[in-house]
């Protein structure tokens, strides 16, 4: 009696096979049908965004104060934001409403993303629809909150420290909000790492061992991304972004180890 180290997982076969009954039709859609499906999902996603924006505009003044007050408080005493174009302040309300609507509608938008990729998955993988939407939504909001409460205030305060007897820090609303959105959206995307790793691990694409093997390269990539996200050249700001990303990577290793696809040894008779 010998022992075979590993059994080949039957789920490793081609996901787009035409004769695989478990796919429930996956791979049988033509190119035009895929485009039509993409159009449908985009349409529903835009409708969801519109509904979320409509809800946001009902509370636009509170949202405006929520975004702008921290910016103003971080300025030197007596400092104020300015706008130099006629429509600049008005467009700020529109942009805040759309961004808030995107966050509100994120569960519905993520659901449309799942519906688009679901035909390429096996039946047992489609059961992760609710965890996907739930985890992605939670991490999206968590990342946006981290950008709002931690990353942006520290960077904004750093830029304000250069005011002196010769120069006064009176930033434009457009510039300030552009930086704010870059931080909030950037951190919301970065915080999706555990969700992405969860599903890649469940499908056997990556493993915890693989992530550990390339840990040092991941650190390098993380700080490159941190340098790109943060407009400030100081190391402190980049560390504020990079350290949470390292923590997310370590968390993702644990997720891959706990939920990754296991290959079980079997005995050969």
Protein backbone atom coordinates (compact mmCIF):
# COMPACT_ATOMS: atom_id res chain seq x y z
CA UNK A 1 0.00 0.00 0.00
CA UNK A 2 1.48 3.33 -1.01
CA UNK A 3 0.56 6.86 -0.07
CA UNK A 4 -0.15 9.45 -2.74
CA UNK A 5 0.84 12.89 -1.39
CA UNK A 6 -1.99 14.85 -2.89
CA UNK A 7 -5.20 14.29 -4.77
CA UNK A 8 -5.86 16.50 -7.74
CA UNK A 9 -8.85 18.64 -7.02
CA UNK A 10 -11.57 18.04 -9.61
CA UNK A 11 -12.45 21.72 -9.40
CA UNK A 12 -9.09 22.57 -11.02
CA UNK A 13 -10.44 21.76 -14.48
CA UNK A 14 -11.24 24.49 -16.96
CA UNK A 15 -13.95 26.74 -15.60
CA UNK A 16 -15.06 27.62 -19.09
CA UNK A 17 -15.47 24.05 -20.32
CA UNK A 18 -18.53 23.63 -22.52
CA UNK A 19 -19.34 20.13 -21.30
CA UNK A 20 -19.09 20.81 -17.57
CA UNK A 21 -22.59 20.45 -16.17
CA UNK A 22 -21.54 21.87 -12.81
CA UNK A 23 -20.93 25.23 -14.42
CA UNK A 24 -24.68 25.65 -14.95
CA UNK A 25 -24.14 27.34 -18.28
CA UNK A 26 -20.84 29.07 -17.53
CA UNK A 27 -18.85 29.55 -20.70
CA UNK A 28 -21.89 29.05 -22.97
CA UNK A 29 -22.49 32.77 -23.37
CA UNK A 30 -21.32 34.32 -26.62
CA UNK A 31 -19.16 37.43 -26.74
CA UNK A 32 -22.18 39.60 -27.54
CA UNK A 33 -24.13 38.02 -24.69
CA UNK A 34 -21.27 38.89 -22.32
CA UNK A 35 -21.37 42.49 -23.56
CA UNK A 36 -25.12 42.59 -23.08
CA UNK A 37 -24.73 41.22 -19.55
CA UNK A 38 -22.07 43.86 -18.83
CA UNK A 39 -24.39 46.58 -20.13
CA UNK A 40 -27.21 45.32 -17.91
CA UNK A 41 -25.02 45.24 -14.80
CA UNK A 42 -23.64 48.71 -15.51
CA UNK A 43 -27.16 50.04 -15.96
CA UNK A 44 -28.31 48.65 -12.61
CA UNK A 45 -25.12 49.91 -10.96
CA UNK A 46 -25.77 53.42 -12.30
CA UNK A 47 -29.38 53.25 -11.12
CA UNK A 48 -28.12 52.22 -7.66
CA UNK A 49 -25.64 55.10 -7.70
CA UNK A 50 -28.39 57.52 -8.68
CA UNK A 51 -30.61 56.29 -5.84
CA UNK A 52 -27.73 56.58 -3.37
CA UNK A 53 -26.93 60.09 -4.58
CA UNK A 54 -30.58 61.07 -4.24
CA UNK A 55 -30.55 59.95 -0.62
CA UNK A 56 -27.27 61.80 -0.06
CA UNK A 57 -28.66 65.04 -1.49
CA UNK A 58 -31.45 64.93 1.10
CA UNK A 59 -28.73 65.42 3.73
CA UNK A 60 -26.27 67.37 1.60
CA UNK A 61 -25.77 70.23 4.08
CA UNK A 62 -24.83 67.82 6.88
CA UNK A 63 -22.52 65.92 4.54
CA UNK A 64 -20.95 69.18 3.39
CA UNK A 65 -20.20 70.19 6.97
CA UNK A 66 -18.94 66.68 7.75
CA UNK A 67 -16.36 66.96 4.97
CA UNK A 68 -15.43 70.63 5.18
CA UNK A 69 -15.25 71.21 8.92
CA UNK A 70 -12.14 69.06 9.49
CA UNK A 71 -10.43 70.85 6.59
CA UNK A 72 -11.15 74.24 8.12
CA UNK A 73 -10.19 73.17 11.64
CA UNK A 74 -6.77 71.99 10.47
CA UNK A 75 -5.93 75.40 9.02
CA UNK A 76 -3.97 77.98 11.05
CA UNK A 77 -6.10 80.25 13.30
CA UNK A 78 -8.28 82.46 11.14
CA UNK A 79 -7.55 80.46 8.00
CA UNK A 80 -10.32 79.72 5.52
CA UNK A 81 -10.76 77.81 2.29
CA UNK A 82 -11.35 79.87 -0.83
CA UNK A 83 -12.74 79.38 -4.31
CA UNK A 84 -11.74 81.37 -7.37
CA UNK A 85 -14.18 80.07 -9.99
CA UNK A 86 -17.87 80.96 -9.99
CA UNK A 87 -19.17 77.38 -10.06
CA UNK A 88 -16.43 75.85 -7.89
CA UNK A 89 -18.31 75.89 -4.59
CA UNK A 90 -21.53 74.72 -6.25
CA UNK A 91 -19.79 71.79 -7.94
CA UNK A 92 -18.35 70.83 -4.56
CA UNK A 93 -21.88 70.09 -3.32
CA UNK A 94 -22.51 67.93 -6.40
CA UNK A 95 -19.28 65.97 -5.97
CA UNK A 96 -19.91 65.38 -2.27
CA UNK A 97 -23.39 64.10 -3.06
CA UNK A 98 -22.10 61.71 -5.71
CA UNK A 99 -19.27 60.35 -3.54
CA UNK A 100 -21.66 59.88 -0.60
CA UNK A 101 -24.14 58.22 -2.94
CA UNK A 102 -21.42 55.85 -4.12
CA UNK A 103 -20.72 54.80 -0.54
CA UNK A 104 -24.43 54.40 0.24
CA UNK A 105 -25.01 52.34 -2.90
CA UNK A 106 -21.81 50.29 -2.59
CA UNK A 107 -23.59 47.08 -1.44
CA UNK A 108 -25.92 47.19 -4.47
CA UNK A 109 -23.07 48.02 -6.84
CA UNK A 110 -20.95 45.19 -5.44
CA UNK A 111 -23.94 42.88 -5.87
CA UNK A 112 -24.02 43.76 -9.57
CA UNK A 113 -20.28 43.02 -9.79
CA UNK A 114 -20.94 39.62 -8.26
CA UNK A 115 -23.80 38.89 -10.64
CA UNK A 116 -21.51 39.65 -13.57
CA UNK A 117 -18.73 37.29 -12.48
CA UNK A 118 -21.01 34.59 -11.04
CA UNK A 119 -21.57 32.72 -14.35
CA UNK A 120 -17.83 31.94 -14.45
CA UNK A 121 -17.95 30.28 -11.03
CA UNK A 122 -18.96 26.83 -9.87
CA UNK A 123 -22.21 26.39 -7.99
CA UNK A 124 -20.45 25.97 -4.64
CA UNK A 125 -18.45 29.16 -5.24
CA UNK A 126 -21.59 31.16 -5.91
CA UNK A 127 -22.61 30.60 -2.30
CA UNK A 128 -20.09 33.28 -1.34
CA UNK A 129 -22.25 36.05 -2.82
CA UNK A 130 -23.45 37.36 0.54
CA UNK A 131 -20.00 37.18 2.22
CA UNK A 132 -18.51 38.98 -0.80
CA UNK A 133 -20.99 41.85 -0.65
CA UNK A 134 -20.85 42.01 3.17
CA UNK A 135 -17.06 41.95 3.54
CA UNK A 136 -16.44 44.27 0.59
CA UNK A 137 -18.96 46.80 1.92
CA UNK A 138 -17.57 46.69 5.47
CA UNK A 139 -13.98 47.11 4.32
CA UNK A 140 -14.96 49.84 1.87
CA UNK A 141 -16.61 51.92 4.60
CA UNK A 142 -13.77 51.13 7.03
CA UNK A 143 -11.16 52.29 4.52
CA UNK A 144 -13.09 55.47 3.74
CA UNK A 145 -13.45 56.20 7.47
CA UNK A 146 -9.72 55.61 8.01
CA UNK A 147 -8.93 58.03 5.21
CA UNK A 148 -11.32 60.64 6.60
CA UNK A 149 -10.42 60.47 10.29
CA UNK A 150 -6.73 59.56 10.18
CA UNK A 151 -4.86 59.92 6.89
CA UNK A 152 -6.30 63.13 5.49
CA UNK A 153 -6.18 65.21 8.72
CA UNK A 154 -2.53 64.34 9.31
CA UNK A 155 -1.52 65.24 5.77
CA UNK A 156 -3.62 68.40 5.75
CA UNK A 157 -2.07 69.54 9.00
CA UNK A 158 1.40 68.79 7.60
CA UNK A 159 0.81 71.08 4.62
CA UNK A 160 -0.54 73.82 6.91
CA UNK A 161 2.67 73.87 8.98
CA UNK A 162 4.55 75.68 6.21
CA UNK A 163 2.71 78.95 6.83
CA UNK A 164 5.02 81.68 8.12
CA UNK A 165 5.48 85.44 8.10
CA UNK A 166 6.00 85.39 4.34
CA UNK A 167 3.30 83.02 3.10
CA UNK A 168 -0.28 82.33 4.17
CA UNK A 169 -1.99 78.99 3.68
CA UNK A 170 -5.31 79.76 1.96
CA UNK A 171 -6.02 76.65 -0.15
CA UNK A 172 -8.64 76.42 -2.86
CA UNK A 173 -11.67 74.27 -2.20
CA UNK A 174 -11.05 72.32 -5.42
CA UNK A 175 -7.49 71.41 -4.44
CA UNK A 176 -8.41 70.51 -0.86
CA UNK A 177 -11.35 68.33 -1.87
CA UNK A 178 -9.30 66.64 -4.59
CA UNK A 179 -6.75 65.59 -1.98
CA UNK A 180 -9.52 64.49 0.36
CA UNK A 181 -11.15 62.27 -2.29
CA UNK A 182 -7.80 60.78 -3.24
CA UNK A 183 -7.21 59.74 0.37
CA UNK A 184 -10.71 58.45 1.08
CA UNK A 185 -11.20 56.53 -2.17
CA UNK A 186 -7.62 55.27 -2.13
CA UNK A 187 -7.96 53.83 1.36
CA UNK A 188 -11.39 52.36 0.53
CA UNK A 189 -9.77 50.46 -2.37
CA UNK A 190 -6.73 49.40 -0.33
CA UNK A 191 -8.97 48.01 2.40
CA UNK A 192 -10.44 45.54 -0.11
CA UNK A 193 -7.28 43.41 0.15
CA UNK A 194 -8.72 40.89 2.68
CA UNK A 195 -11.88 40.44 0.63
CA UNK A 196 -9.91 39.84 -2.56
CA UNK A 197 -7.56 37.39 -0.83
CA UNK A 198 -10.49 35.50 0.69
CA UNK A 199 -11.98 34.67 -2.70
CA UNK A 200 -8.69 34.04 -4.44
CA UNK A 201 -7.76 31.64 -1.63
CA UNK A 202 -11.13 29.89 -1.78
CA UNK A 203 -10.63 29.33 -5.51
CA UNK A 204 -7.10 28.04 -4.98
CA UNK A 205 -5.41 30.88 -6.86
CA UNK A 206 -3.19 31.89 -3.94
CA UNK A 207 -2.20 30.30 -0.62
CA UNK A 208 -0.96 31.56 2.73
CA UNK A 209 2.41 29.90 2.05
CA UNK A 210 2.72 31.78 -1.25
CA UNK A 211 1.91 35.09 0.45
CA UNK A 212 4.49 34.42 3.17
CA UNK A 213 7.11 33.53 0.58
CA UNK A 214 6.70 36.89 -1.14
CA UNK A 215 6.20 38.91 2.03
CA UNK A 216 9.32 41.06 1.57
CA UNK A 217 8.29 41.92 -1.99
CA UNK A 218 4.81 42.75 -0.76
CA UNK A 219 6.30 45.24 1.72
CA UNK A 220 8.17 46.94 -1.12
CA UNK A 221 5.03 47.14 -3.26
CA UNK A 222 3.01 48.42 -0.30
CA UNK A 223 5.34 51.36 0.31
CA UNK A 224 5.44 52.15 -3.40
CA UNK A 225 1.64 52.30 -3.37
CA UNK A 226 1.75 54.42 -0.19
CA UNK A 227 4.14 56.84 -1.88
CA UNK A 228 1.80 57.11 -4.87
CA UNK A 229 -1.33 57.61 -2.77
CA UNK A 230 0.17 60.19 -0.43
CA UNK A 231 1.08 63.50 -2.08
CA UNK A 232 3.21 64.41 0.92
CA UNK A 233 6.89 63.47 0.58
CA UNK A 234 7.44 63.03 4.32
CA UNK A 235 8.08 59.54 5.63
CA UNK A 236 5.56 59.92 8.47
CA UNK A 237 2.60 60.27 6.08
CA UNK A 238 3.73 57.31 4.02
CA UNK A 239 4.10 55.22 7.17
CA UNK A 240 0.56 56.16 8.21
CA UNK A 241 -0.69 54.62 4.96
CA UNK A 242 1.88 51.82 4.67
CA UNK A 243 1.61 50.34 8.17
CA UNK A 244 -2.16 49.66 7.95
CA UNK A 245 -1.57 48.09 4.52
CA UNK A 246 1.04 45.77 6.06
CA UNK A 247 -1.48 44.91 8.76
CA UNK A 248 -4.07 44.15 6.08
CA UNK A 249 -1.56 41.93 4.29
CA UNK A 250 -0.84 39.98 7.48
CA UNK A 251 -4.60 39.69 8.10
CA UNK A 252 -4.98 38.45 4.53
CA UNK A 253 -2.35 35.75 5.14
CA UNK A 254 -4.42 34.53 8.07
CA UNK A 255 -7.56 34.59 5.95
CA UNK A 256 -5.84 32.61 3.19
CA UNK A 257 -4.64 30.05 5.74
CA UNK A 258 -8.08 29.67 7.34
CA UNK A 259 -10.26 29.67 4.24
CA UNK A 260 -7.89 28.58 1.47
CA UNK A 261 -8.53 25.46 -0.58
CA UNK A 262 -7.00 22.40 1.10
CA UNK A 263 -5.56 19.41 -0.75
CA UNK A 264 -6.12 16.22 1.22
CA UNK A 265 -3.76 13.24 1.01
CA UNK A 266 -5.39 9.91 0.14
CA UNK A 267 -4.27 6.33 0.34
CA UNK A 268 -3.75 4.28 -2.76
CA UNK A 269 -5.09 0.72 -2.45
